[in-house]
Every structure is written in structure tokens, then in C-alpha cells.
Amino acid sequence: MKFKILSMKALFQAFTKHPGAVGETYLQHMAASLSFASVMLLAGMAALIHGAFPFLCVKTGSGIVARLHDRMVVHRVPPGRVDREAIRRTDRD
């Protein structure tokens, strides 16, 4: 097996290309991804509980998925566009 050795520039781009495409830094993207992952784990546990006990967590999983979709797709700020309301909220804190 032959391995390709990446230059430092290529390695840096590997970690920053996608986060930059969605208007985030690497650390911002990692934080957002981890927050989604933790919520998805909870939704998965709710689905497992619902599978075993259909009378429990009846709408929990679907509600979490709907909120995640809303957070990820509906309220996403396109790259290059400044979310002025988010800046105002930050300034108030």
C-alpha cells in the first residue's frame, strides 16, 4: 500500500475547507457537530426505548429530528452573509 504524504498546506486545507464552506472556523464547526451528535444520541436512545415500549417517547425522536433540521437547514446563514441578529445577541451578553 502506498501512502501519499500531505504537505502542511494540504493538511491545513483538509481541516478547514468544509468548515469554511459553511461559514465556520474549524473549532466552531467541531462545537456545532458535537452538539448535534449529542442530541442525535439522545434521539437514538429515545427511539430504542420507544421500540421496546411503544407507549413511551412517542414523539420524542421525531421532535428532536424536526428541531435539528430546523437548526441545521432552515436557520443556516449562507457563507459570506453576516447574521446581524446573532451579532446583536452576542453584543447584549
PDB file of N, CA and C in Angstrom:
ATOM      1  N   MET A   1       0.847  -1.173   0.000  1.00  0.00           N
ATOM      2  CA  MET A   1       0.000   0.000   0.000  1.00  0.00           C
ATOM      3  C   MET A   1       0.891   1.234   0.000  1.00  0.00           C
ATOM      4  N   LYS A   2       0.566   2.171  -0.858  1.00  0.00           N
ATOM      5  CA  LYS A   2       1.361   3.386  -0.963  1.00  0.00           C
ATOM      6  C   LYS A   2       0.588   4.540  -0.335  1.00  0.00           C
ATOM      7  N   PHE A   3       1.263   5.283   0.530  1.00  0.00           N
ATOM      8  CA  PHE A   3       0.636   6.422   1.193  1.00  0.00           C
ATOM      9  C   PHE A   3       1.099   7.713   0.556  1.00  0.00           C
ATOM     10  N   LYS A   4       0.177   8.636   0.431  1.00  0.00           N
ATOM     11  CA  LYS A   4       0.505   9.960  -0.095  1.00  0.00           C
ATOM     12  C   LYS A   4       0.850  10.860   1.079  1.00  0.00           C
ATOM     13  N   ILE A   5       1.975  11.513   1.001  1.00  0.00           N
ATOM     14  CA  ILE A   5       2.392  12.428   2.065  1.00  0.00           C
ATOM     15  C   ILE A   5       1.817  13.803   1.755  1.00  0.00           C
ATOM     16  N   LEU A   6       1.054  14.329   2.694  1.00  0.00           N
ATOM     17  CA  LEU A   6       0.427  15.637   2.513  1.00  0.00           C
ATOM     18  C   LEU A   6       1.355  16.747   2.976  1.00  0.00           C
ATOM     19  N   SER A   7       1.353  17.820   2.239  1.00  0.00           N
ATOM     20  CA  SER A   7       2.095  18.991   2.695  1.00  0.00           C
ATOM     21  C   SER A   7       1.327  19.627   3.849  1.00  0.00           C
ATOM     22  N   MET A   8       1.970  20.487   4.578  1.00  0.00           N
ATOM     23  CA  MET A   8       1.294  21.172   5.694  1.00  0.00           C
ATOM     24  C   MET A   8       0.107  21.983   5.180  1.00  0.00           C
ATOM     25  N   LYS A   9       0.256  22.600   4.017  1.00  0.00           N
ATOM     26  CA  LYS A   9      -0.834  23.393   3.451  1.00  0.00           C
ATOM     27  C   LYS A   9      -2.030  22.499   3.125  1.00  0.00           C
ATOM     28  N   ALA A  10      -1.766  21.345   2.506  1.00  0.00           N
ATOM     29  CA  ALA A  10      -2.850  20.420   2.161  1.00  0.00           C
ATOM     30  C   ALA A  10      -3.518  19.879   3.413  1.00  0.00           C
ATOM     31  N   LEU A  11      -2.723  19.607   4.435  1.00  0.00           N
ATOM     32  CA  LEU A  11      -3.275  19.118   5.696  1.00  0.00           C
ATOM     33  C   LEU A  11      -4.161  20.181   6.341  1.00  0.00           C
ATOM     34  N   PHE A  12      -3.702  21.420   6.349  1.00  0.00           N
ATOM     35  CA  PHE A  12      -4.497  22.520   6.903  1.00  0.00           C
ATOM     36  C   PHE A  12      -5.803  22.664   6.135  1.00  0.00           C
ATOM     37  N   GLN A  13      -5.725  22.592   4.798  1.00  0.00           N
ATOM     38  CA  GLN A  13      -6.932  22.722   3.975  1.00  0.00           C
ATOM     39  C   GLN A  13      -7.912  21.578   4.229  1.00  0.00           C
ATOM     40  N   ALA A  14      -7.376  20.395   4.513  1.00  0.00           N
ATOM     41  CA  ALA A  14      -8.249  19.257   4.801  1.00  0.00           C
ATOM     42  C   ALA A  14      -9.113  19.515   6.032  1.00  0.00           C
ATOM     43  N   PHE A  15      -8.600  20.270   6.985  1.00  0.00           N
ATOM     44  CA  PHE A  15      -9.330  20.567   8.212  1.00  0.00           C
ATOM     45  C   PHE A  15     -10.160  21.845   8.133  1.00  0.00           C
ATOM     46  N   THR A  16      -9.941  22.670   7.134  1.00  0.00           N
ATOM     47  CA  THR A  16     -10.626  23.963   7.102  1.00  0.00           C
ATOM     48  C   THR A  16     -11.538  24.178   5.899  1.00  0.00           C
ATOM     49  N   LYS A  17     -11.422  23.346   4.864  1.00  0.00           N
ATOM     50  CA  LYS A  17     -12.203  23.567   3.641  1.00  0.00           C
ATOM     51  C   LYS A  17     -13.706  23.488   3.897  1.00  0.00           C
ATOM     52  N   HIS A  18     -14.176  22.388   4.447  1.00  0.00           N
ATOM     53  CA  HIS A  18     -15.623  22.251   4.684  1.00  0.00           C
ATOM     54  C   HIS A  18     -16.135  23.246   5.725  1.00  0.00           C
ATOM     55  N   PRO A  19     -15.490  23.385   6.891  1.00  0.00           N
ATOM     56  CA  PRO A  19     -15.991  24.397   7.832  1.00  0.00           C
ATOM     57  C   PRO A  19     -16.057  25.791   7.210  1.00  0.00           C
ATOM     58  N   GLY A  20     -15.054  26.140   6.411  1.00  0.00           N
ATOM     59  CA  GLY A  20     -15.068  27.444   5.742  1.00  0.00           C
ATOM     60  C   GLY A  20     -16.213  27.575   4.763  1.00  0.00           C
ATOM     61  N   ALA A  21     -16.562  26.467   4.104  1.00  0.00           N
ATOM     62  CA  ALA A  21     -17.656  26.490   3.128  1.00  0.00           C
ATOM     63  C   ALA A  21     -18.999  26.749   3.779  1.00  0.00           C
ATOM     64  N   VAL A  22     -19.128  26.437   5.063  1.00  0.00           N
ATOM     65  CA  VAL A  22     -20.381  26.696   5.768  1.00  0.00           C
ATOM     66  C   VAL A  22     -20.263  27.900   6.700  1.00  0.00           C
ATOM     67  N   GLY A  23     -19.197  28.686   6.514  1.00  0.00           N
ATOM     68  CA  GLY A  23     -19.054  29.946   7.253  1.00  0.00           C
ATOM     69  C   GLY A  23     -18.594  29.789   8.690  1.00  0.00           C
ATOM     70  N   GLU A  24     -17.822  28.734   8.972  1.00  0.00           N
ATOM     71  CA  GLU A  24     -17.361  28.497  10.338  1.00  0.00           C
ATOM     72  C   GLU A  24     -15.854  28.247  10.352  1.00  0.00           C
ATOM     73  N   THR A  25     -15.256  28.455  11.513  1.00  0.00           N
ATOM     74  CA  THR A  25     -13.878  28.038  11.710  1.00  0.00           C
ATOM     75  C   THR A  25     -13.897  26.552  12.056  1.00  0.00           C
ATOM     76  N   TYR A  26     -12.728  25.939  12.107  1.00  0.00           N
ATOM     77  CA  TYR A  26     -12.637  24.525  12.466  1.00  0.00           C
ATOM     78  C   TYR A  26     -13.239  24.277  13.849  1.00  0.00           C
ATOM     79  N   LEU A  27     -12.874  25.111  14.828  1.00  0.00           N
ATOM     80  CA  LEU A  27     -13.368  24.906  16.198  1.00  0.00           C
ATOM     81  C   LEU A  27     -14.870  25.160  16.307  1.00  0.00           C
ATOM     82  N   GLN A  28     -15.367  26.168  15.598  1.00  0.00           N
ATOM     83  CA  GLN A  28     -16.812  26.422  15.600  1.00  0.00           C
ATOM     84  C   GLN A  28     -17.553  25.230  14.994  1.00  0.00           C
ATOM     85  N   HIS A  29     -17.001  24.687  13.911  1.00  0.00           N
ATOM     86  CA  HIS A  29     -17.634  23.546  13.253  1.00  0.00           C
ATOM     87  C   HIS A  29     -17.592  22.311  14.148  1.00  0.00           C
ATOM     88  N   MET A  30     -16.483  22.112  14.853  1.00  0.00           N
ATOM     89  CA  MET A  30     -16.376  20.976  15.762  1.00  0.00           C
ATOM     90  C   MET A  30     -17.409  21.097  16.876  1.00  0.00           C
ATOM     91  N   ALA A  31     -17.552  22.295  17.447  1.00  0.00           N
ATOM     92  CA  ALA A  31     -18.519  22.505  18.526  1.00  0.00           C
ATOM     93  C   ALA A  31     -19.945  22.249  18.031  1.00  0.00           C
ATOM     94  N   ALA A  32     -20.272  22.773  16.848  1.00  0.00           N
ATOM     95  CA  ALA A  32     -21.618  22.563  16.305  1.00  0.00           C
ATOM     96  C   ALA A  32     -21.859  21.079  16.027  1.00  0.00           C
ATOM     97  N   SER A  33     -20.873  20.411  15.462  1.00  0.00           N
ATOM     98  CA  SER A  33     -21.011  18.984  15.157  1.00  0.00           C
ATOM     99  C   SER A  33     -21.198  18.155  16.423  1.00  0.00           C
ATOM    100  N   LEU A  34     -20.421  18.469  17.455  1.00  0.00           N
ATOM    101  CA  LEU A  34     -20.551  17.723  18.708  1.00  0.00           C
ATOM    102  C   LEU A  34     -21.899  17.984  19.374  1.00  0.00           C
ATOM    103  N   SER A  35     -22.410  19.207  19.251  1.00  0.00           N
ATOM    104  CA  SER A  35     -23.724  19.483  19.845  1.00  0.00           C
ATOM    105  C   SER A  35     -24.810  18.706  19.103  1.00  0.00           C
ATOM    106  N   PHE A  36     -24.695  18.616  17.771  1.00  0.00           N
ATOM    107  CA  PHE A  36     -25.655  17.818  17.005  1.00  0.00           C
ATOM    108  C   PHE A  36     -25.528  16.348  17.373  1.00  0.00           C
ATOM    109  N   ALA A  37     -24.302  15.856  17.484  1.00  0.00           N
ATOM    110  CA  ALA A  37     -24.084  14.443  17.797  1.00  0.00           C
ATOM    111  C   ALA A  37     -24.697  14.069  19.140  1.00  0.00           C
ATOM    112  N   SER A  38     -24.525  14.928  20.142  1.00  0.00           N
ATOM    113  CA  SER A  38     -25.067  14.602  21.463  1.00  0.00           C
ATOM    114  C   SER A  38     -26.594  14.563  21.438  1.00  0.00           C
ATOM    115  N   VAL A  39     -27.205  15.491  20.721  1.00  0.00           N
ATOM    116  CA  VAL A  39     -28.669  15.500  20.619  1.00  0.00           C
ATOM    117  C   VAL A  39     -29.150  14.286  19.824  1.00  0.00           C
ATOM    118  N   MET A  40     -28.413  13.904  18.771  1.00  0.00           N
ATOM    119  CA  MET A  40     -28.801  12.733  17.985  1.00  0.00           C
ATOM    120  C   MET A  40     -28.666  11.454  18.796  1.00  0.00           C
ATOM    121  N   LEU A  41     -27.680  11.392  19.682  1.00  0.00           N
ATOM    122  CA  LEU A  41     -27.576  10.230  20.568  1.00  0.00           C
ATOM    123  C   LEU A  41     -28.799  10.119  21.472  1.00  0.00           C
ATOM    124  N   LEU A  42     -29.252  11.253  22.000  1.00  0.00           N
ATOM    125  CA  LEU A  42     -30.459  11.249  22.831  1.00  0.00           C
ATOM    126  C   LEU A  42     -31.678  10.795  22.021  1.00  0.00           C
ATOM    127  N   ALA A  43     -31.770  11.272  20.782  1.00  0.00           N
ATOM    128  CA  ALA A  43     -32.886  10.857  19.923  1.00  0.00           C
ATOM    129  C   ALA A  43     -32.823   9.362  19.654  1.00  0.00           C
ATOM    130  N   GLY A  44     -31.625   8.839  19.459  1.00  0.00           N
ATOM    131  CA  GLY A  44     -31.463   7.404  19.237  1.00  0.00           C
ATOM    132  C   GLY A  44     -31.877   6.590  20.443  1.00  0.00           C
ATOM    133  N   MET A  45     -31.508   7.069  21.625  1.00  0.00           N
ATOM    134  CA  MET A  45     -31.918   6.366  22.849  1.00  0.00           C
ATOM    135  C   MET A  45     -33.431   6.399  23.005  1.00  0.00           C
ATOM    136  N   ALA A  46     -34.039   7.554  22.681  1.00  0.00           N
ATOM    137  CA  ALA A  46     -35.499   7.651  22.760  1.00  0.00           C
ATOM    138  C   ALA A  46     -36.146   6.676  21.782  1.00  0.00           C
ATOM    139  N   ALA A  47     -35.563   6.530  20.591  1.00  0.00           N
ATOM    140  CA  ALA A  47     -36.107   5.598  19.602  1.00  0.00           C
ATOM    141  C   ALA A  47     -35.982   4.148  20.079  1.00  0.00           C
ATOM    142  N   LEU A  48     -34.863   3.821  20.716  1.00  0.00           N
ATOM    143  CA  LEU A  48     -34.699   2.468  21.262  1.00  0.00           C
ATOM    144  C   LEU A  48     -35.726   2.185  22.353  1.00  0.00           C
ATOM    145  N   ILE A  49     -35.923   3.149  23.225  1.00  0.00           N
ATOM    146  CA  ILE A  49     -36.919   2.993  24.296  1.00  0.00           C
ATOM    147  C   ILE A  49     -38.306   2.830  23.685  1.00  0.00           C
ATOM    148  N   HIS A  50     -38.608   3.660  22.685  1.00  0.00           N
ATOM    149  CA  HIS A  50     -39.918   3.592  22.028  1.00  0.00           C
ATOM    150  C   HIS A  50     -40.117   2.240  21.330  1.00  0.00           C
ATOM    151  N   GLY A  51     -39.043   1.703  20.763  1.00  0.00           N
ATOM    152  CA  GLY A  51     -39.148   0.396  20.104  1.00  0.00           C
ATOM    153  C   GLY A  51     -39.535  -0.702  21.078  1.00  0.00           C
ATOM    154  N   ALA A  52     -38.986  -0.656  22.269  1.00  0.00           N
ATOM    155  CA  ALA A  52     -39.278  -1.678  23.275  1.00  0.00           C
ATOM    156  C   ALA A  52     -40.601  -1.410  23.996  1.00  0.00           C
ATOM    157  N   PHE A  53     -40.878  -0.140  24.223  1.00  0.00           N
ATOM    158  CA  PHE A  53     -42.081   0.274  24.950  1.00  0.00           C
ATOM    159  C   PHE A  53     -42.811   1.327  24.119  1.00  0.00           C
ATOM    160  N   PRO A  54     -43.661   0.920  23.185  1.00  0.00           N
ATOM    161  CA  PRO A  54     -44.280   1.842  22.231  1.00  0.00           C
ATOM    162  C   PRO A  54     -45.099   2.974  22.854  1.00  0.00           C
ATOM    163  N   PHE A  55     -45.440   2.842  24.101  1.00  0.00           N
ATOM    164  CA  PHE A  55     -46.223   3.875  24.781  1.00  0.00           C
ATOM    165  C   PHE A  55     -45.332   4.958  25.379  1.00  0.00           C
ATOM    166  N   LEU A  56     -44.003   4.791  25.333  1.00  0.00           N
ATOM    167  CA  LEU A  56     -43.055   5.794  25.838  1.00  0.00           C
ATOM    168  C   LEU A  56     -42.372   6.508  24.676  1.00  0.00           C
ATOM    169  N   CYS A  57     -41.986   7.725  24.899  1.00  0.00           N
ATOM    170  CA  CYS A  57     -41.221   8.522  23.911  1.00  0.00           C
ATOM    171  C   CYS A  57     -41.897   8.520  22.549  1.00  0.00           C
ATOM    172  N   VAL A  58     -43.205   8.686  22.528  1.00  0.00           N
ATOM    173  CA  VAL A  58     -43.988   8.576  21.294  1.00  0.00           C
ATOM    174  C   VAL A  58     -43.574   9.624  20.262  1.00  0.00           C
ATOM    175  N   LYS A  59     -43.334  10.838  20.696  1.00  0.00           N
ATOM    176  CA  LYS A  59     -42.980  11.906  19.752  1.00  0.00           C
ATOM    177  C   LYS A  59     -41.582  12.467  19.994  1.00  0.00           C
ATOM    178  N   THR A  60     -40.843  11.901  20.906  1.00  0.00           N
ATOM    179  CA  THR A  60     -39.541  12.435  21.289  1.00  0.00           C
ATOM    180  C   THR A  60     -38.551  12.424  20.128  1.00  0.00           C
ATOM    181  N   GLY A  61     -38.370  11.283  19.491  1.00  0.00           N
ATOM    182  CA  GLY A  61     -37.400  11.166  18.400  1.00  0.00           C
ATOM    183  C   GLY A  61     -37.733  12.059  17.226  1.00  0.00           C
ATOM    184  N   SER A  62     -38.982  12.027  16.785  1.00  0.00           N
ATOM    185  CA  SER A  62     -39.372  12.853  15.636  1.00  0.00           C
ATOM    186  C   SER A  62     -39.294  14.339  15.969  1.00  0.00           C
ATOM    187  N   GLY A  63     -39.603  14.702  17.203  1.00  0.00           N
ATOM    188  CA  GLY A  63     -39.488  16.107  17.612  1.00  0.00           C
ATOM    189  C   GLY A  63     -38.050  16.586  17.588  1.00  0.00           C
ATOM    190  N   ILE A  64     -37.136  15.735  18.054  1.00  0.00           N
ATOM    191  CA  ILE A  64     -35.717  16.090  18.042  1.00  0.00           C
ATOM    192  C   ILE A  64     -35.225  16.230  16.611  1.00  0.00           C
ATOM    193  N   VAL A  65     -35.599  15.312  15.742  1.00  0.00           N
ATOM    194  CA  VAL A  65     -35.183  15.379  14.338  1.00  0.00           C
ATOM    195  C   VAL A  65     -35.703  16.667  13.693  1.00  0.00           C
ATOM    196  N   ALA A  66     -36.945  17.033  13.967  1.00  0.00           N
ATOM    197  CA  ALA A  66     -37.514  18.260  13.403  1.00  0.00           C
ATOM    198  C   ALA A  66     -36.748  19.489  13.888  1.00  0.00           C
ATOM    199  N   ARG A  67     -36.402  19.513  15.181  1.00  0.00           N
ATOM    200  CA  ARG A  67     -35.648  20.657  15.711  1.00  0.00           C
ATOM    201  C   ARG A  67     -34.237  20.722  15.126  1.00  0.00           C
ATOM    202  N   LEU A  68     -33.606  19.568  14.965  1.00  0.00           N
ATOM    203  CA  LEU A  68     -32.268  19.558  14.361  1.00  0.00           C
ATOM    204  C   LEU A  68     -32.323  20.034  12.910  1.00  0.00           C
ATOM    205  N   HIS A  69     -33.327  19.590  12.168  1.00  0.00           N
ATOM    206  CA  HIS A  69     -33.491  20.043  10.782  1.00  0.00           C
ATOM    207  C   HIS A  69     -33.675  21.555  10.751  1.00  0.00           C
ATOM    208  N   ASP A  70     -34.506  22.057  11.634  1.00  0.00           N
ATOM    209  CA  ASP A  70     -34.744  23.494  11.702  1.00  0.00           C
ATOM    210  C   ASP A  70     -33.440  24.232  11.993  1.00  0.00           C
ATOM    211  N   ARG A  71     -32.673  23.720  12.920  1.00  0.00           N
ATOM    212  CA  ARG A  71     -31.412  24.359  13.313  1.00  0.00           C
ATOM    213  C   ARG A  71     -30.363  24.268  12.201  1.00  0.00           C
ATOM    214  N   MET A  72     -30.296  23.136  11.531  1.00  0.00           N
ATOM    215  CA  MET A  72     -29.236  22.941  10.542  1.00  0.00           C
ATOM    216  C   MET A  72     -29.581  23.515   9.169  1.00  0.00           C
ATOM    217  N   VAL A  73     -30.816  23.359   8.730  1.00  0.00           N
ATOM    218  CA  VAL A  73     -31.178  23.720   7.363  1.00  0.00           C
ATOM    219  C   VAL A  73     -31.923  25.041   7.277  1.00  0.00           C
ATOM    220  N   VAL A  74     -32.969  25.184   8.060  1.00  0.00           N
ATOM    221  CA  VAL A  74     -33.836  26.351   7.939  1.00  0.00           C
ATOM    222  C   VAL A  74     -33.148  27.629   8.395  1.00  0.00           C
ATOM    223  N   HIS A  75     -32.411  27.564   9.493  1.00  0.00           N
ATOM    224  CA  HIS A  75     -31.808  28.780  10.048  1.00  0.00           C
ATOM    225  C   HIS A  75     -30.323  28.926   9.755  1.00  0.00           C
ATOM    226  N   ARG A  76     -29.817  28.200   8.786  1.00  0.00           N
ATOM    227  CA  ARG A  76     -28.398  28.321   8.414  1.00  0.00           C
ATOM    228  C   ARG A  76     -28.154  29.659   7.732  1.00  0.00           C
ATOM    229  N   VAL A  77     -27.061  30.300   8.098  1.00  0.00           N
ATOM    230  CA  VAL A  77     -26.655  31.550   7.464  1.00  0.00           C
ATOM    231  C   VAL A  77     -25.724  31.188   6.317  1.00  0.00           C
ATOM    232  N   PRO A  78     -26.055  31.578   5.085  1.00  0.00           N
ATOM    233  CA  PRO A  78     -25.185  31.253   3.957  1.00  0.00           C
ATOM    234  C   PRO A  78     -23.783  31.836   4.150  1.00  0.00           C
ATOM    235  N   PRO A  79     -22.742  31.121   3.687  1.00  0.00           N
ATOM    236  CA  PRO A  79     -21.378  31.629   3.805  1.00  0.00           C
ATOM    237  C   PRO A  79     -21.259  33.011   3.162  1.00  0.00           C
ATOM    238  N   GLY A  80     -20.536  33.873   3.816  1.00  0.00           N
ATOM    239  CA  GLY A  80     -20.338  35.219   3.296  1.00  0.00           C
ATOM    240  C   GLY A  80     -21.391  36.213   3.749  1.00  0.00           C
ATOM    241  N   ARG A  81     -22.495  35.718   4.290  1.00  0.00           N
ATOM    242  CA  ARG A  81     -23.544  36.608   4.772  1.00  0.00           C
ATOM    243  C   ARG A  81     -23.432  36.728   6.281  1.00  0.00           C
ATOM    244  N   VAL A  82     -23.497  37.928   6.763  1.00  0.00           N
ATOM    245  CA  VAL A  82     -23.373  38.163   8.198  1.00  0.00           C
ATOM    246  C   VAL A  82     -24.738  38.061   8.848  1.00  0.00           C
ATOM    247  N   ASP A  83     -24.824  37.291   9.918  1.00  0.00           N
ATOM    248  CA  ASP A  83     -26.057  37.180  10.685  1.00  0.00           C
ATOM    249  C   ASP A  83     -26.072  38.311  11.707  1.00  0.00           C
ATOM    250  N   ARG A  84     -26.634  39.417  11.323  1.00  0.00           N
ATOM    251  CA  ARG A  84     -26.606  40.609  12.180  1.00  0.00           C
ATOM    252  C   ARG A  84     -27.363  40.395  13.491  1.00  0.00           C
ATOM    253  N   GLU A  85     -28.441  39.614  13.466  1.00  0.00           N
ATOM    254  CA  GLU A  85     -29.192  39.342  14.698  1.00  0.00           C
ATOM    255  C   GLU A  85     -28.336  38.556  15.682  1.00  0.00           C
ATOM    256  N   ALA A  86     -27.550  37.602  15.189  1.00  0.00           N
ATOM    257  CA  ALA A  86     -26.658  36.837  16.069  1.00  0.00           C
ATOM    258  C   ALA A  86     -25.608  37.753  16.684  1.00  0.00           C
ATOM    259  N   ILE A  87     -25.125  38.705  15.902  1.00  0.00           N
ATOM    260  CA  ILE A  87     -24.134  39.661  16.424  1.00  0.00           C
ATOM    261  C   ILE A  87     -24.786  40.515  17.502  1.00  0.00           C
ATOM    262  N   ARG A  88     -26.006  40.977  17.272  1.00  0.00           N
ATOM    263  CA  ARG A  88     -26.700  41.777  18.290  1.00  0.00           C
ATOM    264  C   ARG A  88     -26.893  40.983  19.576  1.00  0.00           C
ATOM    265  N   ARG A  89     -27.277  39.694  19.434  1.00  0.00           N
ATOM    266  CA  ARG A  89     -27.465  38.864  20.639  1.00  0.00           C
ATOM    267  C   ARG A  89     -26.146  38.720  21.386  1.00  0.00           C
ATOM    268  N   THR A  90     -25.059  38.540  20.662  1.00  0.00           N
ATOM    269  CA  THR A  90     -23.741  38.410  21.281  1.00  0.00           C
ATOM    270  C   THR A  90     -23.342  39.685  21.996  1.00  0.00           C
ATOM    271  N   ASP A  91     -23.633  40.839  21.356  1.00  0.00           N
ATOM    272  CA  ASP A  91     -23.295  42.130  21.952  1.00  0.00           C
ATOM    273  C   ASP A  91     -24.055  42.380  23.251  1.00  0.00           C
ATOM    274  N   ARG A  92     -25.287  41.856  23.353  1.00  0.00           N
ATOM    275  CA  ARG A  92     -26.096  42.053  24.552  1.00  0.00           C
ATOM    276  C   ARG A  92     -25.598  41.233  25.726  1.00  0.00           C
ATOM    277  N   ASP A  93     -24.954  40.101  25.463  1.00  0.00           N
ATOM    278  CA  ASP A  93     -24.497  39.197  26.545  1.00  0.00           C
ATOM    279  C   ASP A  93     -23.375  39.775  27.346  1.00  0.00           C
TER     280      ASP A  93
END
